[in-house]
Amino acid sequence: MLDVYLIHGLYMNRFALAPLAREVRAAGHAATLVGHHTIMGSLSRSAEHLANCIRHGDEKRRRVIVGHSLGGVVAAYAASRFEDLQVDDVILLGSPFHGSAAARGLAMVPGGVHLVGGPLREWMALKNFAPRQGLRLWTLIGNRRLGIGQYIGHFADQPSDGTVALDEAQIEGAHASAMLPVSHLQMLVSPPVTAQVLQWLGEIDAGRQG
């Protein structure tokens, strides 16, 4: 049994990942939905809030974070910054690990910089972020180009999930990677995405038991 923490993306709240959390629990794991302020907050505060939620969990269970979009980069940042969390696995769902052309395009619109939100702006300002040694990243990427982000970011002719471009989400050296025919928002309710996440959680749990 794993202790799984699910953290949402930009403009959303913790209930965005409720369908996935329900399936995680049905698979026999504990699942906690973590909310954070994606507009008025900051990367550090989001990471600290996530860390505090994890610290209140069961220390006897292996801990895993699942993050959608912005939530995935917050998860990777928190797991790298706070080694006391003992999180060795982060599953990223359509996360802009290498920045966001859509966010840069939005920031060019009058008032748009505030819509990008503090956590994402700070993430994009980081230089040469490197995950903590030993942290395993599992990346799920969508390739259904459905969403306005591709037009705001001017990458409609490139592979993407409609919001995050393929080259923004791919992580060299990731422990595992999967690509599915889903858009950015479809990841939240897609049965194939859920199945892939549960498969990875099963592998992580089996490794713990082994």
N, C-alpha and C. Protein backbone atom coordinates (compact mmCIF):
# COMPACT_ATOMS: atom_id res chain seq x y z
N MET A 1 0.84 -1.20 0.00
CA MET A 1 0.00 0.00 0.00
C MET A 1 0.87 1.24 0.00
N LEU A 2 0.54 2.17 -0.88
CA LEU A 2 1.30 3.41 -1.01
C LEU A 2 0.51 4.58 -0.42
N ASP A 3 1.24 5.62 -0.05
CA ASP A 3 0.64 6.89 0.36
C ASP A 3 0.78 7.82 -0.84
N VAL A 4 -0.31 8.09 -1.55
CA VAL A 4 -0.27 8.85 -2.79
C VAL A 4 -0.87 10.24 -2.58
N TYR A 5 -0.13 11.24 -2.99
CA TYR A 5 -0.58 12.64 -2.88
C TYR A 5 -0.78 13.18 -4.29
N LEU A 6 -1.95 13.75 -4.54
CA LEU A 6 -2.30 14.25 -5.86
C LEU A 6 -2.45 15.77 -5.80
N ILE A 7 -1.72 16.47 -6.68
CA ILE A 7 -1.73 17.93 -6.66
C ILE A 7 -2.09 18.47 -8.06
N HIS A 8 -2.96 19.44 -8.09
CA HIS A 8 -3.58 19.92 -9.33
C HIS A 8 -2.75 20.99 -10.04
N GLY A 9 -3.25 21.35 -11.21
CA GLY A 9 -2.58 22.34 -12.05
C GLY A 9 -3.20 23.73 -11.96
N LEU A 10 -2.78 24.58 -12.88
CA LEU A 10 -3.17 25.99 -12.91
C LEU A 10 -4.68 26.17 -13.06
N TYR A 11 -5.23 27.14 -12.32
CA TYR A 11 -6.65 27.53 -12.35
C TYR A 11 -7.59 26.47 -11.75
N MET A 12 -7.07 25.42 -11.19
CA MET A 12 -7.91 24.34 -10.69
C MET A 12 -7.89 24.31 -9.17
N ASN A 13 -8.63 23.36 -8.61
CA ASN A 13 -8.56 23.12 -7.18
C ASN A 13 -8.35 21.62 -6.96
N ARG A 14 -8.23 21.22 -5.71
CA ARG A 14 -7.84 19.85 -5.43
C ARG A 14 -8.84 18.81 -5.95
N PHE A 15 -10.09 19.23 -6.14
CA PHE A 15 -11.09 18.27 -6.59
C PHE A 15 -10.95 17.90 -8.06
N ALA A 16 -10.09 18.61 -8.78
CA ALA A 16 -9.87 18.28 -10.19
C ALA A 16 -9.33 16.87 -10.34
N LEU A 17 -8.60 16.40 -9.34
CA LEU A 17 -8.01 15.06 -9.39
C LEU A 17 -8.80 14.05 -8.57
N ALA A 18 -10.01 14.41 -8.16
CA ALA A 18 -10.84 13.50 -7.37
C ALA A 18 -11.16 12.19 -8.10
N PRO A 19 -11.47 12.22 -9.42
CA PRO A 19 -11.74 10.95 -10.10
C PRO A 19 -10.54 10.01 -10.06
N LEU A 20 -9.35 10.55 -10.27
CA LEU A 20 -8.16 9.72 -10.23
C LEU A 20 -7.90 9.23 -8.80
N ALA A 21 -8.10 10.08 -7.82
CA ALA A 21 -7.90 9.68 -6.43
C ALA A 21 -8.84 8.53 -6.05
N ARG A 22 -10.05 8.58 -6.55
CA ARG A 22 -11.01 7.51 -6.26
C ARG A 22 -10.51 6.17 -6.78
N GLU A 23 -9.94 6.18 -7.97
CA GLU A 23 -9.43 4.93 -8.55
C GLU A 23 -8.17 4.46 -7.83
N VAL A 24 -7.37 5.42 -7.37
CA VAL A 24 -6.17 5.06 -6.61
C VAL A 24 -6.56 4.36 -5.32
N ARG A 25 -7.60 4.87 -4.65
CA ARG A 25 -8.08 4.22 -3.42
C ARG A 25 -8.66 2.85 -3.71
N ALA A 26 -9.38 2.74 -4.82
CA ALA A 26 -9.97 1.45 -5.18
C ALA A 26 -8.90 0.41 -5.44
N ALA A 27 -7.72 0.87 -5.84
CA ALA A 27 -6.60 -0.04 -6.09
C ALA A 27 -5.88 -0.43 -4.81
N GLY A 28 -6.33 0.10 -3.67
CA GLY A 28 -5.77 -0.30 -2.40
C GLY A 28 -4.76 0.64 -1.79
N HIS A 29 -4.61 1.83 -2.38
CA HIS A 29 -3.65 2.80 -1.85
C HIS A 29 -4.38 3.92 -1.12
N ALA A 30 -3.65 4.63 -0.27
CA ALA A 30 -4.19 5.84 0.35
C ALA A 30 -4.00 6.98 -0.64
N ALA A 31 -4.97 7.88 -0.71
CA ALA A 31 -4.89 9.00 -1.66
C ALA A 31 -5.32 10.29 -0.97
N THR A 32 -4.48 11.30 -1.07
CA THR A 32 -4.77 12.61 -0.48
C THR A 32 -4.75 13.67 -1.57
N LEU A 33 -5.81 14.45 -1.66
CA LEU A 33 -5.88 15.54 -2.61
C LEU A 33 -5.29 16.80 -1.97
N VAL A 34 -4.34 17.41 -2.66
CA VAL A 34 -3.64 18.59 -2.13
C VAL A 34 -3.99 19.81 -2.97
N GLY A 35 -4.49 20.85 -2.32
CA GLY A 35 -4.78 22.09 -3.02
C GLY A 35 -3.65 23.09 -2.80
N HIS A 36 -3.54 24.05 -3.71
CA HIS A 36 -2.55 25.13 -3.54
C HIS A 36 -2.99 26.32 -4.38
N HIS A 37 -2.45 27.51 -4.04
CA HIS A 37 -2.82 28.73 -4.75
C HIS A 37 -1.96 28.86 -6.01
N THR A 38 -2.60 28.72 -7.16
CA THR A 38 -1.84 28.71 -8.42
C THR A 38 -1.67 30.09 -9.03
N ILE A 39 -2.40 31.08 -8.55
CA ILE A 39 -2.30 32.44 -9.10
C ILE A 39 -1.58 33.36 -8.13
N MET A 40 -2.12 33.54 -6.93
CA MET A 40 -1.56 34.48 -5.97
C MET A 40 -0.42 33.90 -5.14
N GLY A 41 -0.21 32.61 -5.24
CA GLY A 41 0.82 31.96 -4.45
C GLY A 41 2.20 32.05 -5.08
N SER A 42 3.08 31.17 -4.61
CA SER A 42 4.44 31.10 -5.14
C SER A 42 4.86 29.65 -5.20
N LEU A 43 5.91 29.38 -5.95
CA LEU A 43 6.41 28.02 -6.06
C LEU A 43 6.84 27.49 -4.69
N SER A 44 7.54 28.31 -3.93
CA SER A 44 8.01 27.90 -2.61
C SER A 44 6.86 27.59 -1.68
N ARG A 45 5.83 28.43 -1.68
CA ARG A 45 4.70 28.20 -0.78
C ARG A 45 3.92 26.96 -1.19
N SER A 46 3.75 26.75 -2.48
CA SER A 46 3.06 25.54 -2.94
C SER A 46 3.84 24.30 -2.54
N ALA A 47 5.16 24.35 -2.72
CA ALA A 47 6.00 23.21 -2.37
C ALA A 47 5.98 22.96 -0.86
N GLU A 48 6.03 24.01 -0.08
CA GLU A 48 6.01 23.87 1.37
C GLU A 48 4.68 23.31 1.86
N HIS A 49 3.59 23.77 1.25
CA HIS A 49 2.27 23.25 1.63
C HIS A 49 2.18 21.76 1.30
N LEU A 50 2.63 21.38 0.13
CA LEU A 50 2.64 19.97 -0.25
C LEU A 50 3.49 19.17 0.73
N ALA A 51 4.65 19.69 1.06
CA ALA A 51 5.55 19.00 1.98
C ALA A 51 4.90 18.80 3.34
N ASN A 52 4.22 19.81 3.83
CA ASN A 52 3.57 19.69 5.14
C ASN A 52 2.45 18.66 5.12
N CYS A 53 1.73 18.57 4.01
CA CYS A 53 0.69 17.54 3.89
C CYS A 53 1.31 16.15 3.95
N ILE A 54 2.44 15.99 3.27
CA ILE A 54 3.10 14.69 3.24
C ILE A 54 3.65 14.33 4.62
N ARG A 55 4.19 15.31 5.31
CA ARG A 55 4.76 15.07 6.64
C ARG A 55 3.72 14.56 7.63
N HIS A 56 2.45 14.87 7.40
CA HIS A 56 1.39 14.41 8.28
C HIS A 56 0.87 13.03 7.88
N GLY A 57 1.47 12.44 6.87
CA GLY A 57 1.05 11.12 6.42
C GLY A 57 1.68 10.00 7.22
N ASP A 58 1.44 8.78 6.76
CA ASP A 58 1.94 7.57 7.43
C ASP A 58 3.39 7.34 7.02
N GLU A 59 4.30 7.47 7.98
CA GLU A 59 5.72 7.32 7.68
C GLU A 59 6.09 5.89 7.28
N LYS A 60 5.23 4.93 7.59
CA LYS A 60 5.55 3.54 7.30
C LYS A 60 5.27 3.18 5.84
N ARG A 61 4.53 4.03 5.16
CA ARG A 61 4.19 3.75 3.76
C ARG A 61 5.12 4.49 2.82
N ARG A 62 5.34 3.90 1.66
CA ARG A 62 6.13 4.58 0.64
C ARG A 62 5.28 5.70 0.06
N ARG A 63 5.89 6.85 -0.11
CA ARG A 63 5.16 8.04 -0.55
C ARG A 63 5.41 8.33 -2.03
N VAL A 64 4.33 8.65 -2.73
CA VAL A 64 4.38 8.97 -4.16
C VAL A 64 3.55 10.23 -4.39
N ILE A 65 4.05 11.12 -5.24
CA ILE A 65 3.27 12.30 -5.62
C ILE A 65 2.86 12.18 -7.08
N VAL A 66 1.60 12.46 -7.35
CA VAL A 66 1.08 12.53 -8.72
C VAL A 66 0.67 13.97 -8.97
N GLY A 67 1.24 14.61 -9.98
CA GLY A 67 0.91 16.00 -10.25
C GLY A 67 0.47 16.21 -11.68
N HIS A 68 -0.64 16.92 -11.85
CA HIS A 68 -1.11 17.27 -13.19
C HIS A 68 -0.63 18.67 -13.54
N SER A 69 -0.01 18.81 -14.71
CA SER A 69 0.41 20.11 -15.22
C SER A 69 1.34 20.81 -14.22
N LEU A 70 0.96 22.00 -13.78
CA LEU A 70 1.76 22.75 -12.82
C LEU A 70 2.03 21.92 -11.56
N GLY A 71 1.05 21.12 -11.16
CA GLY A 71 1.22 20.30 -9.98
C GLY A 71 2.40 19.35 -10.08
N GLY A 72 2.70 18.90 -11.29
CA GLY A 72 3.83 17.99 -11.46
C GLY A 72 5.17 18.66 -11.20
N VAL A 73 5.32 19.90 -11.65
CA VAL A 73 6.60 20.58 -11.41
C VAL A 73 6.72 21.00 -9.95
N VAL A 74 5.59 21.36 -9.31
CA VAL A 74 5.61 21.65 -7.87
C VAL A 74 6.05 20.39 -7.12
N ALA A 75 5.54 19.23 -7.54
CA ALA A 75 5.88 17.97 -6.90
C ALA A 75 7.36 17.66 -7.04
N ALA A 76 7.90 17.81 -8.24
CA ALA A 76 9.32 17.53 -8.47
C ALA A 76 10.19 18.48 -7.66
N TYR A 77 9.76 19.73 -7.59
CA TYR A 77 10.51 20.73 -6.82
C TYR A 77 10.50 20.40 -5.33
N ALA A 78 9.32 20.06 -4.80
CA ALA A 78 9.20 19.75 -3.38
C ALA A 78 9.98 18.50 -3.01
N ALA A 79 9.88 17.47 -3.85
CA ALA A 79 10.57 16.21 -3.56
C ALA A 79 12.08 16.37 -3.62
N SER A 80 12.55 17.33 -4.40
CA SER A 80 13.99 17.59 -4.50
C SER A 80 14.47 18.50 -3.38
N ARG A 81 13.64 19.46 -3.02
CA ARG A 81 14.05 20.45 -2.01
C ARG A 81 13.99 19.90 -0.58
N PHE A 82 12.95 19.09 -0.31
CA PHE A 82 12.74 18.60 1.06
C PHE A 82 13.05 17.10 1.12
N GLU A 83 14.28 16.77 1.39
CA GLU A 83 14.69 15.37 1.39
C GLU A 83 14.07 14.60 2.55
N ASP A 84 13.64 15.30 3.60
CA ASP A 84 13.02 14.60 4.73
C ASP A 84 11.69 13.97 4.37
N LEU A 85 11.13 14.34 3.23
CA LEU A 85 9.85 13.77 2.81
C LEU A 85 9.99 12.31 2.42
N GLN A 86 11.19 11.91 2.04
CA GLN A 86 11.46 10.54 1.61
C GLN A 86 10.55 10.13 0.45
N VAL A 87 10.38 11.06 -0.49
CA VAL A 87 9.62 10.78 -1.71
C VAL A 87 10.62 10.45 -2.81
N ASP A 88 10.54 9.24 -3.32
CA ASP A 88 11.47 8.81 -4.36
C ASP A 88 10.82 8.71 -5.73
N ASP A 89 9.49 8.91 -5.79
CA ASP A 89 8.78 8.76 -7.06
C ASP A 89 7.77 9.89 -7.25
N VAL A 90 7.85 10.54 -8.39
CA VAL A 90 6.89 11.58 -8.77
C VAL A 90 6.36 11.25 -10.16
N ILE A 91 5.04 11.21 -10.28
CA ILE A 91 4.39 10.96 -11.57
C ILE A 91 3.86 12.29 -12.09
N LEU A 92 4.33 12.69 -13.28
CA LEU A 92 3.96 13.97 -13.86
C LEU A 92 3.01 13.74 -15.03
N LEU A 93 1.87 14.40 -14.99
CA LEU A 93 0.86 14.28 -16.05
C LEU A 93 0.81 15.58 -16.84
N GLY A 94 1.40 15.57 -18.02
CA GLY A 94 1.37 16.76 -18.86
C GLY A 94 1.98 17.98 -18.22
N SER A 95 3.09 17.81 -17.55
CA SER A 95 3.71 18.92 -16.81
C SER A 95 4.73 19.67 -17.66
N PRO A 96 4.71 21.00 -17.64
CA PRO A 96 5.65 21.83 -18.43
C PRO A 96 7.02 21.89 -17.75
N PHE A 97 7.71 20.77 -17.72
CA PHE A 97 8.98 20.67 -17.01
C PHE A 97 10.02 21.63 -17.57
N HIS A 98 9.95 21.87 -18.89
CA HIS A 98 10.93 22.75 -19.54
C HIS A 98 10.34 24.10 -19.91
N GLY A 99 9.38 24.56 -19.10
CA GLY A 99 8.79 25.86 -19.37
C GLY A 99 7.52 25.76 -20.19
N SER A 100 6.90 26.88 -20.43
CA SER A 100 5.61 26.89 -21.11
C SER A 100 5.52 28.03 -22.11
N ALA A 101 5.47 27.68 -23.39
CA ALA A 101 5.29 28.70 -24.43
C ALA A 101 3.92 29.36 -24.30
N ALA A 102 2.92 28.58 -23.87
CA ALA A 102 1.59 29.15 -23.67
C ALA A 102 1.62 30.23 -22.59
N ALA A 103 2.35 29.97 -21.51
CA ALA A 103 2.46 30.96 -20.43
C ALA A 103 3.21 32.19 -20.90
N ARG A 104 4.27 32.00 -21.68
CA ARG A 104 5.02 33.15 -22.19
C ARG A 104 4.15 33.98 -23.12
N GLY A 105 3.34 33.31 -23.95
CA GLY A 105 2.45 34.04 -24.83
C GLY A 105 1.38 34.81 -24.06
N LEU A 106 0.83 34.17 -23.02
CA LEU A 106 -0.18 34.83 -22.20
C LEU A 106 0.40 36.05 -21.49
N ALA A 107 1.64 35.94 -21.06
CA ALA A 107 2.28 37.04 -20.33
C ALA A 107 2.45 38.28 -21.20
N MET A 108 2.42 38.13 -22.53
CA MET A 108 2.59 39.25 -23.44
C MET A 108 1.29 40.03 -23.64
N VAL A 109 0.17 39.44 -23.22
CA VAL A 109 -1.12 40.13 -23.31
C VAL A 109 -1.25 41.08 -22.13
N PRO A 110 -1.80 42.27 -22.32
CA PRO A 110 -1.97 43.20 -21.19
C PRO A 110 -2.65 42.53 -20.00
N GLY A 111 -1.97 42.56 -18.87
CA GLY A 111 -2.50 41.93 -17.67
C GLY A 111 -2.27 40.43 -17.61
N GLY A 112 -1.74 39.87 -18.67
CA GLY A 112 -1.59 38.43 -18.75
C GLY A 112 -0.57 37.85 -17.80
N VAL A 113 0.44 38.66 -17.45
CA VAL A 113 1.48 38.15 -16.57
C VAL A 113 0.90 37.71 -15.23
N HIS A 114 -0.16 38.35 -14.79
CA HIS A 114 -0.79 37.97 -13.53
C HIS A 114 -1.58 36.68 -13.68
N LEU A 115 -2.08 36.42 -14.88
CA LEU A 115 -2.85 35.20 -15.13
C LEU A 115 -1.96 33.97 -15.18
N VAL A 116 -0.69 34.18 -15.45
CA VAL A 116 0.24 33.05 -15.47
C VAL A 116 0.40 32.47 -14.07
N GLY A 117 0.33 33.32 -13.07
CA GLY A 117 0.41 32.87 -11.68
C GLY A 117 1.83 32.79 -11.16
N GLY A 118 1.96 33.02 -9.87
CA GLY A 118 3.28 33.04 -9.24
C GLY A 118 4.06 31.75 -9.33
N PRO A 119 3.46 30.59 -9.01
CA PRO A 119 4.24 29.35 -9.04
C PRO A 119 4.84 29.04 -10.41
N LEU A 120 4.05 29.20 -11.48
CA LEU A 120 4.57 28.90 -12.81
C LEU A 120 5.62 29.90 -13.24
N ARG A 121 5.41 31.18 -12.92
CA ARG A 121 6.42 32.19 -13.26
C ARG A 121 7.75 31.86 -12.59
N GLU A 122 7.70 31.49 -11.33
CA GLU A 122 8.93 31.17 -10.60
C GLU A 122 9.59 29.92 -11.16
N TRP A 123 8.79 28.92 -11.51
CA TRP A 123 9.35 27.70 -12.09
C TRP A 123 10.08 28.01 -13.38
N MET A 124 9.48 28.84 -14.23
CA MET A 124 10.08 29.17 -15.52
C MET A 124 11.33 30.03 -15.35
N ALA A 125 11.44 30.71 -14.21
CA ALA A 125 12.61 31.55 -13.96
C ALA A 125 13.79 30.76 -13.40
N LEU A 126 13.54 29.52 -12.96
CA LEU A 126 14.62 28.69 -12.43
C LEU A 126 15.60 28.37 -13.55
N LYS A 127 16.86 28.35 -13.22
CA LYS A 127 17.87 28.02 -14.21
C LYS A 127 18.50 26.67 -13.87
N ASN A 128 18.44 25.77 -14.85
CA ASN A 128 19.11 24.47 -14.71
C ASN A 128 18.65 23.70 -13.49
N PHE A 129 17.33 23.64 -13.28
CA PHE A 129 16.83 22.82 -12.18
C PHE A 129 17.16 21.36 -12.44
N ALA A 130 17.69 20.70 -11.43
CA ALA A 130 18.03 19.29 -11.54
C ALA A 130 17.33 18.54 -10.42
N PRO A 131 16.56 17.51 -10.73
CA PRO A 131 15.90 16.73 -9.69
C PRO A 131 16.93 16.12 -8.74
N ARG A 132 16.53 15.95 -7.51
CA ARG A 132 17.41 15.34 -6.52
C ARG A 132 17.88 13.96 -6.99
N GLN A 133 19.12 13.66 -6.72
CA GLN A 133 19.66 12.36 -7.10
C GLN A 133 18.86 11.26 -6.41
N GLY A 134 18.45 10.29 -7.18
CA GLY A 134 17.65 9.20 -6.65
C GLY A 134 16.16 9.38 -6.83
N LEU A 135 15.72 10.59 -7.20
CA LEU A 135 14.30 10.85 -7.45
C LEU A 135 13.92 10.30 -8.82
N ARG A 136 12.91 9.47 -8.84
CA ARG A 136 12.47 8.86 -10.10
C ARG A 136 11.25 9.62 -10.63
N LEU A 137 11.36 10.08 -11.86
CA LEU A 137 10.28 10.80 -12.51
C LEU A 137 9.60 9.90 -13.54
N TRP A 138 8.30 9.80 -13.44
CA TRP A 138 7.48 9.02 -14.36
C TRP A 138 6.63 10.01 -15.14
N THR A 139 6.80 10.10 -16.44
CA THR A 139 6.15 11.18 -17.20
C THR A 139 5.10 10.62 -18.16
N LEU A 140 3.92 11.20 -18.08
CA LEU A 140 2.84 10.86 -19.01
C LEU A 140 2.55 12.09 -19.85
N ILE A 141 2.55 11.91 -21.15
CA ILE A 141 2.41 13.01 -22.09
C ILE A 141 1.24 12.74 -23.03
N GLY A 142 0.44 13.75 -23.28
CA GLY A 142 -0.66 13.62 -24.23
C GLY A 142 -0.27 14.16 -25.59
N ASN A 143 -0.87 13.62 -26.65
CA ASN A 143 -0.57 14.12 -27.99
C ASN A 143 -1.83 14.46 -28.79
N ARG A 144 -2.93 14.71 -28.09
CA ARG A 144 -4.14 15.18 -28.76
C ARG A 144 -4.17 16.70 -28.67
N ARG A 145 -4.01 17.36 -29.78
CA ARG A 145 -3.88 18.81 -29.79
C ARG A 145 -5.24 19.48 -29.69
N LEU A 146 -5.71 19.58 -28.45
CA LEU A 146 -7.01 20.17 -28.18
C LEU A 146 -6.87 21.15 -27.02
N GLY A 147 -6.95 22.45 -27.33
CA GLY A 147 -6.78 23.47 -26.29
C GLY A 147 -6.27 24.76 -26.90
N ILE A 148 -6.60 25.89 -26.25
CA ILE A 148 -6.21 27.19 -26.82
C ILE A 148 -4.75 27.53 -26.52
N GLY A 149 -4.14 26.82 -25.59
CA GLY A 149 -2.76 27.11 -25.24
C GLY A 149 -1.81 27.02 -26.42
N GLN A 150 -2.09 26.08 -27.32
CA GLN A 150 -1.22 25.91 -28.48
C GLN A 150 -1.24 27.12 -29.40
N TYR A 151 -2.35 27.87 -29.40
CA TYR A 151 -2.44 29.07 -30.22
C TYR A 151 -1.84 30.28 -29.50
N ILE A 152 -2.05 30.35 -28.20
CA ILE A 152 -1.44 31.43 -27.43
C ILE A 152 0.07 31.32 -27.47
N GLY A 153 0.57 30.08 -27.42
CA GLY A 153 2.01 29.85 -27.41
C GLY A 153 2.62 29.66 -28.78
N HIS A 154 1.79 29.71 -29.83
CA HIS A 154 2.26 29.60 -31.21
C HIS A 154 3.00 28.29 -31.49
N PHE A 155 2.40 27.17 -31.01
CA PHE A 155 2.99 25.87 -31.35
C PHE A 155 1.91 24.90 -31.86
N ALA A 156 0.89 25.47 -32.53
CA ALA A 156 -0.22 24.66 -33.03
C ALA A 156 0.23 23.66 -34.08
N ASP A 157 1.39 23.90 -34.70
CA ASP A 157 1.87 22.98 -35.73
C ASP A 157 2.86 21.96 -35.17
N GLN A 158 3.01 21.93 -33.85
CA GLN A 158 3.95 21.02 -33.21
C GLN A 158 3.19 20.01 -32.35
N PRO A 159 3.80 18.85 -32.09
CA PRO A 159 3.15 17.86 -31.22
C PRO A 159 2.92 18.44 -29.82
N SER A 160 1.72 18.25 -29.31
CA SER A 160 1.37 18.79 -28.00
C SER A 160 0.08 18.14 -27.53
N ASP A 161 -0.31 18.50 -26.28
CA ASP A 161 -1.62 18.07 -25.77
C ASP A 161 -2.62 19.23 -25.85
N GLY A 162 -2.25 20.27 -26.62
CA GLY A 162 -3.10 21.43 -26.77
C GLY A 162 -2.75 22.56 -25.82
N THR A 163 -2.02 22.23 -24.75
CA THR A 163 -1.63 23.23 -23.77
C THR A 163 -0.13 23.20 -23.52
N VAL A 164 0.42 22.01 -23.43
CA VAL A 164 1.85 21.82 -23.19
C VAL A 164 2.46 21.10 -24.39
N ALA A 165 3.52 21.68 -24.94
CA ALA A 165 4.18 21.08 -26.10
C ALA A 165 4.95 19.83 -25.68
N LEU A 166 5.13 18.94 -26.62
CA LEU A 166 5.81 17.68 -26.35
C LEU A 166 7.20 17.91 -25.78
N ASP A 167 7.95 18.84 -26.38
CA ASP A 167 9.32 19.06 -25.91
C ASP A 167 9.37 19.78 -24.56
N GLU A 168 8.25 20.33 -24.11
CA GLU A 168 8.20 20.93 -22.78
C GLU A 168 7.96 19.88 -21.69
N ALA A 169 7.30 18.80 -22.08
CA ALA A 169 6.92 17.77 -21.10
C ALA A 169 7.89 16.60 -21.04
N GLN A 170 8.63 16.37 -22.12
CA GLN A 170 9.58 15.27 -22.13
C GLN A 170 10.74 15.55 -21.19
N ILE A 171 11.17 14.53 -20.46
CA ILE A 171 12.27 14.69 -19.51
C ILE A 171 13.35 13.65 -19.83
N GLU A 172 14.50 14.13 -20.21
CA GLU A 172 15.60 13.22 -20.48
C GLU A 172 16.01 12.53 -19.19
N GLY A 173 16.15 11.24 -19.25
CA GLY A 173 16.54 10.47 -18.08
C GLY A 173 15.38 10.10 -17.17
N ALA A 174 14.14 10.33 -17.62
CA ALA A 174 12.98 9.94 -16.82
C ALA A 174 13.00 8.43 -16.60
N HIS A 175 12.53 8.01 -15.45
CA HIS A 175 12.52 6.58 -15.13
C HIS A 175 11.61 5.82 -16.09
N ALA A 176 10.47 6.43 -16.42
CA ALA A 176 9.53 5.83 -17.36
C ALA A 176 8.75 6.94 -18.04
N SER A 177 8.29 6.67 -19.24
CA SER A 177 7.53 7.66 -19.99
C SER A 177 6.48 6.97 -20.84
N ALA A 178 5.33 7.61 -20.96
CA ALA A 178 4.26 7.07 -21.80
C ALA A 178 3.58 8.22 -22.52
N MET A 179 3.14 7.96 -23.75
CA MET A 179 2.41 8.95 -24.52
C MET A 179 1.05 8.36 -24.88
N LEU A 180 0.00 9.14 -24.63
CA LEU A 180 -1.35 8.67 -24.88
C LEU A 180 -2.13 9.70 -25.69
N PRO A 181 -3.13 9.26 -26.46
CA PRO A 181 -3.92 10.18 -27.30
C PRO A 181 -4.96 10.94 -26.50
N VAL A 182 -4.50 11.81 -25.62
CA VAL A 182 -5.40 12.62 -24.80
C VAL A 182 -4.93 14.06 -24.82
N SER A 183 -5.85 14.97 -24.55
CA SER A 183 -5.49 16.38 -24.43
C SER A 183 -5.12 16.68 -22.98
N HIS A 184 -4.72 17.90 -22.75
CA HIS A 184 -4.27 18.30 -21.42
C HIS A 184 -5.35 18.09 -20.36
N LEU A 185 -6.56 18.53 -20.64
CA LEU A 185 -7.64 18.41 -19.67
C LEU A 185 -8.22 17.00 -19.63
N GLN A 186 -8.18 16.30 -20.74
CA GLN A 186 -8.71 14.94 -20.76
C GLN A 186 -7.94 14.01 -19.83
N MET A 187 -6.71 14.37 -19.52
CA MET A 187 -5.91 13.54 -18.61
C MET A 187 -6.61 13.35 -17.26
N LEU A 188 -7.41 14.32 -16.86
CA LEU A 188 -8.04 14.28 -15.55
C LEU A 188 -9.11 13.21 -15.43
N VAL A 189 -9.68 12.79 -16.56
CA VAL A 189 -10.79 11.84 -16.52
C VAL A 189 -10.60 10.68 -17.49
N SER A 190 -9.45 10.56 -18.09
CA SER A 190 -9.21 9.55 -19.11
C SER A 190 -8.96 8.17 -18.50
N PRO A 191 -9.73 7.15 -18.86
CA PRO A 191 -9.48 5.79 -18.37
C PRO A 191 -8.08 5.27 -18.73
N PRO A 192 -7.56 5.51 -19.96
CA PRO A 192 -6.20 5.06 -20.24
C PRO A 192 -5.14 5.74 -19.37
N VAL A 193 -5.33 7.02 -19.06
CA VAL A 193 -4.40 7.71 -18.18
C VAL A 193 -4.47 7.11 -16.78
N THR A 194 -5.68 6.90 -16.29
CA THR A 194 -5.85 6.27 -14.98
C THR A 194 -5.19 4.91 -14.94
N ALA A 195 -5.39 4.12 -15.99
CA ALA A 195 -4.80 2.78 -16.05
C ALA A 195 -3.28 2.84 -16.02
N GLN A 196 -2.70 3.83 -16.73
CA GLN A 196 -1.25 3.95 -16.76
C GLN A 196 -0.72 4.36 -15.38
N VAL A 197 -1.40 5.29 -14.74
CA VAL A 197 -0.98 5.72 -13.40
C VAL A 197 -1.04 4.54 -12.43
N LEU A 198 -2.13 3.78 -12.48
CA LEU A 198 -2.27 2.63 -11.58
C LEU A 198 -1.21 1.57 -11.86
N GLN A 199 -0.87 1.39 -13.13
CA GLN A 199 0.18 0.44 -13.46
C GLN A 199 1.51 0.86 -12.84
N TRP A 200 1.82 2.14 -12.96
CA TRP A 200 3.07 2.64 -12.39
C TRP A 200 3.06 2.54 -10.87
N LEU A 201 1.93 2.86 -10.26
CA LEU A 201 1.84 2.74 -8.80
C LEU A 201 2.04 1.29 -8.38
N GLY A 202 1.50 0.37 -9.16
CA GLY A 202 1.70 -1.04 -8.87
C GLY A 202 3.16 -1.44 -8.94
N GLU A 203 3.86 -0.91 -9.94
CA GLU A 203 5.28 -1.20 -10.07
C GLU A 203 6.07 -0.62 -8.90
N ILE A 204 5.71 0.58 -8.49
CA ILE A 204 6.39 1.22 -7.37
C ILE A 204 6.16 0.41 -6.09
N ASP A 205 4.91 0.00 -5.89
CA ASP A 205 4.56 -0.76 -4.69
C ASP A 205 5.25 -2.12 -4.69
N ALA A 206 5.32 -2.75 -5.85
CA ALA A 206 5.99 -4.05 -5.94
C ALA A 206 7.47 -3.91 -5.63
N GLY A 207 8.05 -2.80 -6.07
CA GLY A 207 9.45 -2.56 -5.78
C GLY A 207 9.69 -2.36 -4.30
N ARG A 208 8.73 -1.71 -3.64
CA ARG A 208 8.83 -1.50 -2.19
C ARG A 208 8.77 -2.83 -1.46
N GLN A 209 7.84 -3.67 -1.88
CA GLN A 209 7.65 -4.95 -1.21
C GLN A 209 8.81 -5.89 -1.47
N GLY A 210 9.43 -5.72 -2.68
CA GLY A 210 10.56 -6.57 -3.01
C GLY A 210 11.80 -6.20 -2.23
